[in-house]
Amino acid sequence: MPAGAPAGRRHPARHARGQGHVRPAQHLRHRARVRGPGRAAQRARRRDRDLPGHLIHPYLEPPVPHALAHRGGALLAGNEQVENTLEAFRRAVELGYAYVETDVHVSADGVVYAFHDLSLSRMTGDEAAIETLTGDQVDAVVMGGRAPIPRLSAVLEALPATRFNIDVKSDAAVEPTLDVIARAGAQ
């Protein structure tokens, strides 16, 4: 290595082409420490503080980041086998989650349900898909031996102050979901 060259290992491909050196890995570790999660959160707070209020949608009001209870807090204690149910959503809210993620499917007769999977098999043992059942048939299904699959309208009515991130699982569910949201005034 020539005198005065920067410290570090030579990159074989670059060295063969005469393109210099690679910075030592220690430098990169230091940079990662400086720019870790704390710095990202500081930048986000500074960004949010400096943005005009009309650029931030009320759903995403500061402070950020926001914790979401995924599938209504599927991994929270007590929510096993009852993910995406009113029981799970209420438990997540009681624990302090202001944001709850849920998934929706639509029944054969157009009723929107909070449910993740395409078929009922993982949660109930039934191989049917919500889209092949009527609303009355889905209403009769129980998860974990204790919780019915909730209609999205019932969820929004029961938890009006909760902010939902709704994952629409099929094209057929888009319009009915938008209708439920509009009727609930949950926009």
N, C-alpha and C. Protein backbone atom coordinates (compact mmCIF):
# COMPACT_ATOMS: atom_id res chain seq x y z
N MET A 1 0.86 -1.17 0.00
CA MET A 1 0.00 0.00 0.00
C MET A 1 0.90 1.23 0.00
N PRO A 2 0.62 2.23 -0.86
CA PRO A 2 1.46 3.42 -0.93
C PRO A 2 1.39 4.22 0.36
N ALA A 3 2.45 4.93 0.66
CA ALA A 3 2.48 5.78 1.86
C ALA A 3 1.43 6.87 1.72
N GLY A 4 0.75 7.16 2.82
CA GLY A 4 -0.26 8.21 2.82
C GLY A 4 -1.63 7.74 2.34
N ALA A 5 -1.75 6.46 1.95
CA ALA A 5 -3.04 5.94 1.51
C ALA A 5 -3.95 5.79 2.71
N PRO A 6 -5.26 5.95 2.54
CA PRO A 6 -6.17 5.81 3.68
C PRO A 6 -6.10 4.41 4.27
N ALA A 7 -6.29 4.36 5.59
CA ALA A 7 -6.28 3.07 6.27
C ALA A 7 -7.49 2.27 5.83
N GLY A 8 -7.34 0.99 5.80
CA GLY A 8 -8.47 0.13 5.43
C GLY A 8 -8.00 -0.99 4.53
N ARG A 9 -8.92 -1.88 4.27
CA ARG A 9 -8.58 -3.02 3.42
C ARG A 9 -8.78 -2.64 1.97
N ARG A 10 -8.01 -3.27 1.13
CA ARG A 10 -8.19 -3.05 -0.30
C ARG A 10 -9.31 -3.94 -0.80
N HIS A 11 -10.12 -3.41 -1.63
CA HIS A 11 -11.17 -4.19 -2.27
C HIS A 11 -10.54 -4.83 -3.49
N PRO A 12 -10.50 -6.18 -3.57
CA PRO A 12 -9.76 -6.84 -4.65
C PRO A 12 -10.19 -6.39 -6.04
N ALA A 13 -11.48 -6.29 -6.30
CA ALA A 13 -11.92 -5.90 -7.64
C ALA A 13 -11.55 -4.46 -7.94
N ARG A 14 -11.70 -3.58 -6.99
CA ARG A 14 -11.35 -2.18 -7.21
C ARG A 14 -9.85 -2.01 -7.34
N HIS A 15 -9.10 -2.75 -6.51
CA HIS A 15 -7.65 -2.62 -6.55
C HIS A 15 -7.13 -3.07 -7.91
N ALA A 16 -7.71 -4.13 -8.45
CA ALA A 16 -7.27 -4.63 -9.75
C ALA A 16 -7.52 -3.57 -10.82
N ARG A 17 -8.55 -2.77 -10.65
CA ARG A 17 -8.85 -1.72 -11.63
C ARG A 17 -8.20 -0.40 -11.22
N GLY A 18 -7.49 -0.40 -10.09
CA GLY A 18 -6.81 0.82 -9.65
C GLY A 18 -7.76 1.85 -9.06
N GLN A 19 -8.84 1.40 -8.39
CA GLN A 19 -9.83 2.34 -7.89
C GLN A 19 -9.78 2.56 -6.39
N GLY A 20 -8.70 2.35 -5.74
CA GLY A 20 -8.59 2.76 -4.35
C GLY A 20 -9.01 1.74 -3.32
N HIS A 21 -9.46 2.26 -2.18
CA HIS A 21 -9.68 1.45 -0.99
C HIS A 21 -11.11 1.52 -0.51
N VAL A 22 -11.46 0.57 0.32
CA VAL A 22 -12.76 0.54 0.97
C VAL A 22 -12.56 1.00 2.40
N ARG A 23 -13.50 1.76 2.93
CA ARG A 23 -13.39 2.21 4.32
C ARG A 23 -13.46 1.01 5.26
N PRO A 24 -12.77 1.09 6.37
CA PRO A 24 -12.83 -0.03 7.31
C PRO A 24 -14.24 -0.21 7.87
N ALA A 25 -14.57 -1.44 8.20
CA ALA A 25 -15.89 -1.76 8.72
C ALA A 25 -16.18 -1.02 10.02
N GLN A 26 -15.14 -0.72 10.80
CA GLN A 26 -15.34 0.00 12.06
C GLN A 26 -16.01 1.35 11.81
N HIS A 27 -15.63 2.02 10.74
CA HIS A 27 -16.24 3.31 10.41
C HIS A 27 -17.74 3.14 10.16
N LEU A 28 -18.12 2.08 9.45
CA LEU A 28 -19.53 1.86 9.15
C LEU A 28 -20.33 1.56 10.42
N ARG A 29 -19.74 0.80 11.34
CA ARG A 29 -20.45 0.52 12.59
C ARG A 29 -20.69 1.81 13.36
N HIS A 30 -19.70 2.71 13.37
CA HIS A 30 -19.87 3.98 14.06
C HIS A 30 -21.01 4.78 13.42
N ARG A 31 -21.04 4.81 12.11
CA ARG A 31 -22.09 5.54 11.41
C ARG A 31 -23.47 4.97 11.75
N ALA A 32 -23.59 3.66 11.82
CA ALA A 32 -24.88 3.04 12.15
C ALA A 32 -25.31 3.44 13.56
N ARG A 33 -24.36 3.50 14.48
CA ARG A 33 -24.70 3.89 15.84
C ARG A 33 -25.21 5.33 15.87
N VAL A 34 -24.57 6.20 15.15
CA VAL A 34 -24.96 7.60 15.15
C VAL A 34 -26.32 7.79 14.50
N ARG A 35 -26.60 7.01 13.48
CA ARG A 35 -27.85 7.18 12.73
C ARG A 35 -28.88 6.13 13.10
N GLY A 36 -28.85 5.64 14.30
CA GLY A 36 -29.76 4.60 14.74
C GLY A 36 -31.18 5.09 14.91
N PRO A 37 -32.03 4.27 15.51
CA PRO A 37 -33.45 4.58 15.65
C PRO A 37 -33.71 5.91 16.36
N GLY A 38 -32.86 6.25 17.32
CA GLY A 38 -33.06 7.51 18.03
C GLY A 38 -32.97 8.71 17.10
N ARG A 39 -31.99 8.67 16.21
CA ARG A 39 -31.83 9.77 15.25
C ARG A 39 -33.00 9.82 14.27
N ALA A 40 -33.46 8.66 13.85
CA ALA A 40 -34.59 8.63 12.92
C ALA A 40 -35.83 9.23 13.58
N ALA A 41 -36.05 8.90 14.82
CA ALA A 41 -37.20 9.45 15.54
C ALA A 41 -37.06 10.96 15.70
N GLN A 42 -35.84 11.42 15.97
CA GLN A 42 -35.61 12.86 16.09
C GLN A 42 -35.91 13.56 14.77
N ARG A 43 -35.45 12.97 13.67
CA ARG A 43 -35.71 13.58 12.36
C ARG A 43 -37.20 13.61 12.07
N ALA A 44 -37.91 12.53 12.42
CA ALA A 44 -39.36 12.48 12.17
C ALA A 44 -40.07 13.55 12.99
N ARG A 45 -39.68 13.70 14.26
CA ARG A 45 -40.32 14.74 15.09
C ARG A 45 -40.04 16.13 14.53
N ARG A 46 -38.80 16.36 14.10
CA ARG A 46 -38.45 17.66 13.53
C ARG A 46 -39.24 17.90 12.25
N ARG A 47 -39.37 16.87 11.41
CA ARG A 47 -40.13 16.99 10.17
C ARG A 47 -41.58 17.32 10.47
N ASP A 48 -42.17 16.59 11.42
CA ASP A 48 -43.57 16.82 11.76
C ASP A 48 -43.79 18.21 12.34
N ARG A 49 -42.86 18.67 13.13
CA ARG A 49 -42.99 19.99 13.74
C ARG A 49 -42.92 21.08 12.68
N ASP A 50 -42.10 20.86 11.65
CA ASP A 50 -41.88 21.88 10.64
C ASP A 50 -42.90 21.87 9.51
N LEU A 51 -43.68 20.80 9.38
CA LEU A 51 -44.66 20.74 8.31
C LEU A 51 -45.89 21.58 8.64
N PRO A 52 -46.42 22.27 7.65
CA PRO A 52 -47.69 22.97 7.88
C PRO A 52 -48.77 21.96 8.23
N GLY A 53 -49.67 22.32 9.12
CA GLY A 53 -50.70 21.42 9.59
C GLY A 53 -51.54 20.80 8.50
N HIS A 54 -51.76 21.51 7.40
CA HIS A 54 -52.62 20.97 6.35
C HIS A 54 -51.95 19.85 5.57
N LEU A 55 -50.66 19.61 5.76
CA LEU A 55 -49.98 18.53 5.05
C LEU A 55 -50.01 17.21 5.82
N ILE A 56 -50.42 17.24 7.07
CA ILE A 56 -50.46 16.02 7.87
C ILE A 56 -51.92 15.60 8.01
N HIS A 57 -52.24 14.42 7.49
CA HIS A 57 -53.60 13.92 7.61
C HIS A 57 -53.88 13.64 9.09
N PRO A 58 -55.07 13.95 9.56
CA PRO A 58 -55.38 13.73 10.98
C PRO A 58 -55.11 12.31 11.46
N TYR A 59 -55.23 11.34 10.56
CA TYR A 59 -54.96 9.95 10.95
C TYR A 59 -53.53 9.78 11.44
N LEU A 60 -52.62 10.57 10.87
CA LEU A 60 -51.20 10.42 11.19
C LEU A 60 -50.66 11.58 12.01
N GLU A 61 -51.47 12.13 12.88
CA GLU A 61 -51.02 13.24 13.71
C GLU A 61 -49.79 12.84 14.52
N PRO A 62 -48.87 13.79 14.71
CA PRO A 62 -47.70 13.51 15.55
C PRO A 62 -48.14 13.22 16.97
N PRO A 63 -47.38 12.61 17.80
CA PRO A 63 -46.01 12.17 17.53
C PRO A 63 -45.98 10.86 16.76
N VAL A 64 -44.90 10.65 16.07
CA VAL A 64 -44.68 9.41 15.33
C VAL A 64 -43.45 8.74 15.88
N PRO A 65 -43.22 7.49 15.70
CA PRO A 65 -44.03 6.52 14.96
C PRO A 65 -45.23 6.05 15.77
N HIS A 66 -46.16 5.42 15.08
CA HIS A 66 -47.38 4.92 15.71
C HIS A 66 -47.30 3.40 15.85
N ALA A 67 -47.69 2.90 17.00
CA ALA A 67 -47.76 1.45 17.20
C ALA A 67 -49.13 0.97 16.74
N LEU A 68 -49.14 -0.05 15.90
CA LEU A 68 -50.38 -0.65 15.42
C LEU A 68 -50.54 -2.03 16.02
N ALA A 69 -51.72 -2.34 16.46
CA ALA A 69 -52.02 -3.70 16.94
C ALA A 69 -52.41 -4.50 15.70
N HIS A 70 -51.45 -5.25 15.16
CA HIS A 70 -51.65 -6.00 13.92
C HIS A 70 -52.66 -7.12 14.12
N ARG A 71 -53.61 -7.21 13.21
CA ARG A 71 -54.73 -8.16 13.31
C ARG A 71 -55.45 -8.01 14.64
N GLY A 72 -55.53 -6.79 15.10
CA GLY A 72 -56.20 -6.53 16.36
C GLY A 72 -55.37 -6.95 17.56
N GLY A 73 -54.07 -7.09 17.35
CA GLY A 73 -53.20 -7.52 18.45
C GLY A 73 -53.16 -9.03 18.56
N ALA A 74 -53.02 -9.71 17.44
CA ALA A 74 -53.07 -11.17 17.40
C ALA A 74 -52.07 -11.83 18.35
N LEU A 75 -50.94 -11.19 18.58
CA LEU A 75 -49.91 -11.80 19.43
C LEU A 75 -49.98 -11.33 20.88
N LEU A 76 -50.95 -10.50 21.20
CA LEU A 76 -51.10 -10.05 22.59
C LEU A 76 -51.66 -11.19 23.44
N ALA A 77 -51.23 -11.23 24.68
CA ALA A 77 -51.73 -12.27 25.59
C ALA A 77 -53.25 -12.22 25.67
N GLY A 78 -53.86 -13.36 25.51
CA GLY A 78 -55.31 -13.45 25.56
C GLY A 78 -55.98 -13.36 24.20
N ASN A 79 -55.23 -12.93 23.18
CA ASN A 79 -55.82 -12.80 21.85
C ASN A 79 -55.54 -14.00 20.95
N GLU A 80 -54.92 -15.03 21.49
CA GLU A 80 -54.65 -16.21 20.69
C GLU A 80 -55.99 -16.79 20.21
N GLN A 81 -56.05 -17.15 18.97
CA GLN A 81 -57.23 -17.75 18.35
C GLN A 81 -58.43 -16.81 18.25
N VAL A 82 -58.26 -15.54 18.57
CA VAL A 82 -59.37 -14.60 18.41
C VAL A 82 -58.90 -13.32 17.71
N GLU A 83 -57.88 -13.43 16.87
CA GLU A 83 -57.39 -12.25 16.16
C GLU A 83 -58.51 -11.66 15.30
N ASN A 84 -58.43 -10.36 15.09
CA ASN A 84 -59.41 -9.64 14.27
C ASN A 84 -60.84 -9.79 14.78
N THR A 85 -61.01 -9.90 16.07
CA THR A 85 -62.35 -9.96 16.65
C THR A 85 -62.56 -8.72 17.50
N LEU A 86 -63.79 -8.45 17.82
CA LEU A 86 -64.10 -7.31 18.67
C LEU A 86 -63.40 -7.46 20.03
N GLU A 87 -63.33 -8.68 20.52
CA GLU A 87 -62.63 -8.95 21.78
C GLU A 87 -61.15 -8.56 21.67
N ALA A 88 -60.51 -8.93 20.58
CA ALA A 88 -59.09 -8.61 20.39
C ALA A 88 -58.90 -7.10 20.24
N PHE A 89 -59.76 -6.46 19.46
CA PHE A 89 -59.64 -5.01 19.26
C PHE A 89 -59.80 -4.27 20.59
N ARG A 90 -60.77 -4.68 21.38
CA ARG A 90 -60.98 -4.02 22.68
C ARG A 90 -59.78 -4.21 23.60
N ARG A 91 -59.21 -5.41 23.60
CA ARG A 91 -58.03 -5.66 24.44
C ARG A 91 -56.87 -4.77 24.00
N ALA A 92 -56.67 -4.62 22.71
CA ALA A 92 -55.59 -3.77 22.21
C ALA A 92 -55.80 -2.32 22.64
N VAL A 93 -57.03 -1.85 22.54
CA VAL A 93 -57.34 -0.47 22.95
C VAL A 93 -57.13 -0.30 24.45
N GLU A 94 -57.54 -1.29 25.23
CA GLU A 94 -57.33 -1.24 26.69
C GLU A 94 -55.85 -1.16 27.04
N LEU A 95 -55.01 -1.77 26.21
CA LEU A 95 -53.56 -1.74 26.44
C LEU A 95 -52.92 -0.45 25.95
N GLY A 96 -53.72 0.42 25.33
CA GLY A 96 -53.21 1.72 24.93
C GLY A 96 -52.97 1.91 23.44
N TYR A 97 -53.29 0.93 22.63
CA TYR A 97 -53.12 1.10 21.19
C TYR A 97 -54.22 2.03 20.66
N ALA A 98 -53.80 3.09 19.98
CA ALA A 98 -54.76 3.98 19.34
C ALA A 98 -54.99 3.57 17.88
N TYR A 99 -54.07 2.76 17.36
CA TYR A 99 -54.13 2.30 15.97
C TYR A 99 -54.25 0.78 15.96
N VAL A 100 -55.21 0.30 15.18
CA VAL A 100 -55.44 -1.13 15.09
C VAL A 100 -55.51 -1.50 13.61
N GLU A 101 -54.77 -2.54 13.24
CA GLU A 101 -54.80 -3.02 11.87
C GLU A 101 -55.76 -4.19 11.81
N THR A 102 -56.56 -4.22 10.76
CA THR A 102 -57.44 -5.35 10.53
C THR A 102 -57.51 -5.64 9.04
N ASP A 103 -58.02 -6.79 8.72
CA ASP A 103 -58.18 -7.21 7.34
C ASP A 103 -59.67 -7.43 7.11
N VAL A 104 -60.11 -7.27 5.88
CA VAL A 104 -61.54 -7.48 5.62
C VAL A 104 -61.76 -8.32 4.37
N HIS A 105 -62.82 -9.10 4.46
CA HIS A 105 -63.35 -9.89 3.35
C HIS A 105 -64.84 -9.59 3.26
N VAL A 106 -65.42 -9.89 2.12
CA VAL A 106 -66.85 -9.66 1.94
C VAL A 106 -67.54 -11.00 1.70
N SER A 107 -68.71 -11.15 2.32
CA SER A 107 -69.48 -12.39 2.15
C SER A 107 -70.16 -12.40 0.79
N ALA A 108 -70.76 -13.53 0.46
CA ALA A 108 -71.43 -13.68 -0.83
C ALA A 108 -72.56 -12.67 -1.01
N ASP A 109 -73.15 -12.23 0.10
CA ASP A 109 -74.24 -11.25 0.01
C ASP A 109 -73.80 -9.83 0.36
N GLY A 110 -72.48 -9.56 0.34
CA GLY A 110 -71.99 -8.20 0.46
C GLY A 110 -71.73 -7.67 1.85
N VAL A 111 -71.69 -8.52 2.87
CA VAL A 111 -71.42 -8.07 4.24
C VAL A 111 -69.90 -8.10 4.45
N VAL A 112 -69.36 -7.02 5.01
CA VAL A 112 -67.91 -6.92 5.21
C VAL A 112 -67.55 -7.43 6.60
N TYR A 113 -66.57 -8.35 6.65
CA TYR A 113 -66.13 -8.95 7.90
C TYR A 113 -64.65 -8.69 8.14
N ALA A 114 -64.30 -8.51 9.41
CA ALA A 114 -62.90 -8.38 9.82
C ALA A 114 -62.34 -9.79 9.97
N PHE A 115 -61.52 -10.18 9.02
CA PHE A 115 -60.93 -11.53 9.03
C PHE A 115 -59.73 -11.52 8.11
N HIS A 116 -58.67 -12.21 8.48
CA HIS A 116 -57.44 -12.15 7.70
C HIS A 116 -57.37 -13.15 6.55
N ASP A 117 -57.56 -14.40 6.84
CA ASP A 117 -57.28 -15.46 5.86
C ASP A 117 -58.37 -15.59 4.80
N LEU A 118 -57.97 -16.18 3.68
CA LEU A 118 -58.93 -16.43 2.61
C LEU A 118 -59.96 -17.47 3.05
N SER A 119 -59.49 -18.51 3.73
CA SER A 119 -60.44 -19.52 4.23
C SER A 119 -60.50 -19.46 5.75
N LEU A 120 -61.51 -20.08 6.30
CA LEU A 120 -61.71 -20.09 7.75
C LEU A 120 -60.87 -21.16 8.44
N SER A 121 -60.15 -21.98 7.70
CA SER A 121 -59.53 -23.19 8.26
C SER A 121 -58.56 -22.93 9.41
N ARG A 122 -57.66 -21.97 9.30
CA ARG A 122 -56.67 -21.77 10.36
C ARG A 122 -57.32 -21.36 11.68
N MET A 123 -58.35 -20.56 11.61
CA MET A 123 -58.96 -20.03 12.83
C MET A 123 -60.14 -20.86 13.35
N THR A 124 -60.78 -21.62 12.44
CA THR A 124 -61.99 -22.34 12.87
C THR A 124 -62.00 -23.82 12.51
N GLY A 125 -61.12 -24.23 11.60
CA GLY A 125 -61.13 -25.61 11.13
C GLY A 125 -62.05 -25.83 9.94
N ASP A 126 -62.87 -24.86 9.61
CA ASP A 126 -63.78 -24.94 8.46
C ASP A 126 -63.02 -24.49 7.21
N GLU A 127 -63.12 -25.24 6.13
CA GLU A 127 -62.38 -24.93 4.90
C GLU A 127 -63.05 -23.85 4.05
N ALA A 128 -64.23 -23.42 4.38
CA ALA A 128 -64.97 -22.46 3.56
C ALA A 128 -64.29 -21.09 3.55
N ALA A 129 -64.52 -20.35 2.49
CA ALA A 129 -64.05 -18.97 2.38
C ALA A 129 -65.23 -18.06 2.69
N ILE A 130 -64.97 -16.93 3.30
CA ILE A 130 -66.04 -15.99 3.64
C ILE A 130 -66.82 -15.59 2.40
N GLU A 131 -66.13 -15.42 1.29
CA GLU A 131 -66.81 -14.98 0.07
C GLU A 131 -67.82 -15.99 -0.48
N THR A 132 -67.74 -17.23 0.00
CA THR A 132 -68.69 -18.26 -0.46
C THR A 132 -69.87 -18.42 0.49
N LEU A 133 -69.83 -17.74 1.62
CA LEU A 133 -70.88 -17.87 2.64
C LEU A 133 -71.74 -16.62 2.68
N THR A 134 -72.96 -16.77 3.17
CA THR A 134 -73.82 -15.60 3.37
C THR A 134 -73.45 -14.95 4.70
N GLY A 135 -73.93 -13.75 4.91
CA GLY A 135 -73.69 -13.07 6.18
C GLY A 135 -74.20 -13.85 7.37
N ASP A 136 -75.37 -14.45 7.24
CA ASP A 136 -75.92 -15.25 8.34
C ASP A 136 -75.03 -16.45 8.66
N GLN A 137 -74.46 -17.07 7.63
CA GLN A 137 -73.58 -18.21 7.85
C GLN A 137 -72.28 -17.78 8.55
N VAL A 138 -71.73 -16.65 8.14
CA VAL A 138 -70.50 -16.16 8.77
C VAL A 138 -70.78 -15.74 10.21
N ASP A 139 -71.93 -15.13 10.44
CA ASP A 139 -72.30 -14.72 11.80
C ASP A 139 -72.34 -15.91 12.76
N ALA A 140 -72.60 -17.10 12.26
CA ALA A 140 -72.70 -18.29 13.11
C ALA A 140 -71.34 -18.91 13.43
N VAL A 141 -70.28 -18.47 12.74
CA VAL A 141 -68.94 -19.04 12.96
C VAL A 141 -68.33 -18.42 14.21
N VAL A 142 -67.69 -19.28 15.02
CA VAL A 142 -67.06 -18.82 16.26
C VAL A 142 -65.58 -19.19 16.22
N MET A 143 -64.73 -18.26 16.62
CA MET A 143 -63.28 -18.51 16.67
C MET A 143 -62.84 -18.75 18.10
N GLY A 144 -61.95 -19.69 18.26
CA GLY A 144 -61.41 -19.97 19.58
C GLY A 144 -62.47 -20.40 20.58
N GLY A 145 -63.61 -20.85 20.08
CA GLY A 145 -64.68 -21.30 20.95
C GLY A 145 -65.39 -20.19 21.69
N ARG A 146 -65.07 -18.91 21.36
CA ARG A 146 -65.69 -17.85 22.15
C ARG A 146 -65.99 -16.56 21.39
N ALA A 147 -65.40 -16.33 20.23
CA ALA A 147 -65.55 -15.02 19.59
C ALA A 147 -66.06 -15.16 18.16
N PRO A 148 -67.14 -14.49 17.83
CA PRO A 148 -67.64 -14.52 16.46
C PRO A 148 -66.76 -13.66 15.55
N ILE A 149 -66.83 -13.93 14.26
CA ILE A 149 -66.15 -13.08 13.28
C ILE A 149 -66.97 -11.80 13.18
N PRO A 150 -66.37 -10.65 13.48
CA PRO A 150 -67.18 -9.43 13.53
C PRO A 150 -67.40 -8.79 12.16
N ARG A 151 -68.55 -8.19 12.04
CA ARG A 151 -68.81 -7.35 10.87
C ARG A 151 -68.02 -6.05 11.07
N LEU A 152 -67.48 -5.53 9.99
CA LEU A 152 -66.72 -4.28 10.09
C LEU A 152 -67.59 -3.16 10.64
N SER A 153 -68.84 -3.13 10.27
CA SER A 153 -69.74 -2.09 10.76
C SER A 153 -69.85 -2.13 12.29
N ALA A 154 -69.91 -3.33 12.86
CA ALA A 154 -70.00 -3.47 14.32
C ALA A 154 -68.71 -3.02 14.99
N VAL A 155 -67.58 -3.31 14.37
CA VAL A 155 -66.28 -2.91 14.93
C VAL A 155 -66.17 -1.39 14.97
N LEU A 156 -66.50 -0.75 13.86
CA LEU A 156 -66.39 0.72 13.80
C LEU A 156 -67.38 1.39 14.75
N GLU A 157 -68.54 0.79 14.92
CA GLU A 157 -69.53 1.34 15.84
C GLU A 157 -69.08 1.17 17.29
N ALA A 158 -68.49 0.04 17.62
CA ALA A 158 -68.09 -0.25 19.00
C ALA A 158 -66.85 0.55 19.42
N LEU A 159 -65.99 0.90 18.46
CA LEU A 159 -64.73 1.58 18.78
C LEU A 159 -64.56 2.83 17.92
N PRO A 160 -65.42 3.82 18.09
CA PRO A 160 -65.39 4.98 17.20
C PRO A 160 -64.14 5.85 17.33
N ALA A 161 -63.47 5.83 18.47
CA ALA A 161 -62.27 6.66 18.64
C ALA A 161 -61.00 5.96 18.20
N THR A 162 -61.09 4.70 17.85
CA THR A 162 -59.92 3.93 17.44
C THR A 162 -59.64 4.18 15.96
N ARG A 163 -58.38 4.30 15.64
CA ARG A 163 -57.98 4.52 14.24
C ARG A 163 -57.62 3.17 13.64
N PHE A 164 -58.31 2.82 12.57
CA PHE A 164 -58.11 1.52 11.95
C PHE A 164 -57.32 1.65 10.65
N ASN A 165 -56.41 0.73 10.47
CA ASN A 165 -55.71 0.53 9.21
C ASN A 165 -56.36 -0.72 8.61
N ILE A 166 -57.13 -0.55 7.55
CA ILE A 166 -57.92 -1.66 7.02
C ILE A 166 -57.27 -2.20 5.75
N ASP A 167 -56.93 -3.47 5.79
CA ASP A 167 -56.33 -4.17 4.65
C ASP A 167 -57.46 -4.92 3.93
N VAL A 168 -57.86 -4.41 2.78
CA VAL A 168 -58.95 -5.02 2.02
C VAL A 168 -58.34 -6.17 1.22
N LYS A 169 -58.82 -7.38 1.47
CA LYS A 169 -58.18 -8.59 0.94
C LYS A 169 -58.63 -9.01 -0.45
N SER A 170 -59.65 -8.39 -1.01
CA SER A 170 -60.07 -8.76 -2.36
C SER A 170 -60.68 -7.56 -3.05
N ASP A 171 -60.65 -7.59 -4.36
CA ASP A 171 -61.26 -6.51 -5.14
C ASP A 171 -62.75 -6.39 -4.86
N ALA A 172 -63.40 -7.53 -4.67
CA ALA A 172 -64.85 -7.53 -4.43
C ALA A 172 -65.21 -6.83 -3.12
N ALA A 173 -64.26 -6.73 -2.20
CA ALA A 173 -64.53 -6.13 -0.89
C ALA A 173 -64.31 -4.62 -0.86
N VAL A 174 -63.74 -4.05 -1.90
CA VAL A 174 -63.39 -2.63 -1.87
C VAL A 174 -64.62 -1.74 -1.71
N GLU A 175 -65.56 -1.82 -2.63
CA GLU A 175 -66.74 -0.95 -2.58
C GLU A 175 -67.57 -1.16 -1.32
N PRO A 176 -67.87 -2.41 -0.94
CA PRO A 176 -68.63 -2.60 0.30
C PRO A 176 -67.90 -2.04 1.53
N THR A 177 -66.58 -2.15 1.55
CA THR A 177 -65.80 -1.62 2.67
C THR A 177 -65.90 -0.10 2.71
N LEU A 178 -65.77 0.53 1.56
CA LEU A 178 -65.90 1.99 1.50
C LEU A 178 -67.29 2.44 1.95
N ASP A 179 -68.30 1.68 1.58
CA ASP A 179 -69.67 2.00 2.00
C ASP A 179 -69.81 1.92 3.53
N VAL A 180 -69.25 0.88 4.13
CA VAL A 180 -69.32 0.72 5.59
C VAL A 180 -68.61 1.88 6.28
N ILE A 181 -67.45 2.24 5.77
CA ILE A 181 -66.67 3.34 6.37
C ILE A 181 -67.46 4.65 6.26
N ALA A 182 -68.05 4.89 5.11
CA ALA A 182 -68.82 6.13 4.92
C ALA A 182 -70.04 6.16 5.84
N ARG A 183 -70.76 5.04 5.94
CA ARG A 183 -71.94 5.00 6.81
C ARG A 183 -71.57 5.21 8.28
N ALA A 184 -70.38 4.73 8.66
CA ALA A 184 -69.94 4.88 10.06
C ALA A 184 -69.35 6.27 10.32
N GLY A 185 -69.12 7.03 9.25
CA GLY A 185 -68.50 8.35 9.41
C GLY A 185 -67.06 8.23 9.91
N ALA A 186 -66.41 7.16 9.52
CA ALA A 186 -65.06 6.86 10.03
C ALA A 186 -63.96 7.25 9.05
N GLN A 187 -64.21 8.25 8.26
CA GLN A 187 -63.22 8.63 7.25
C GLN A 187 -62.17 9.46 7.89
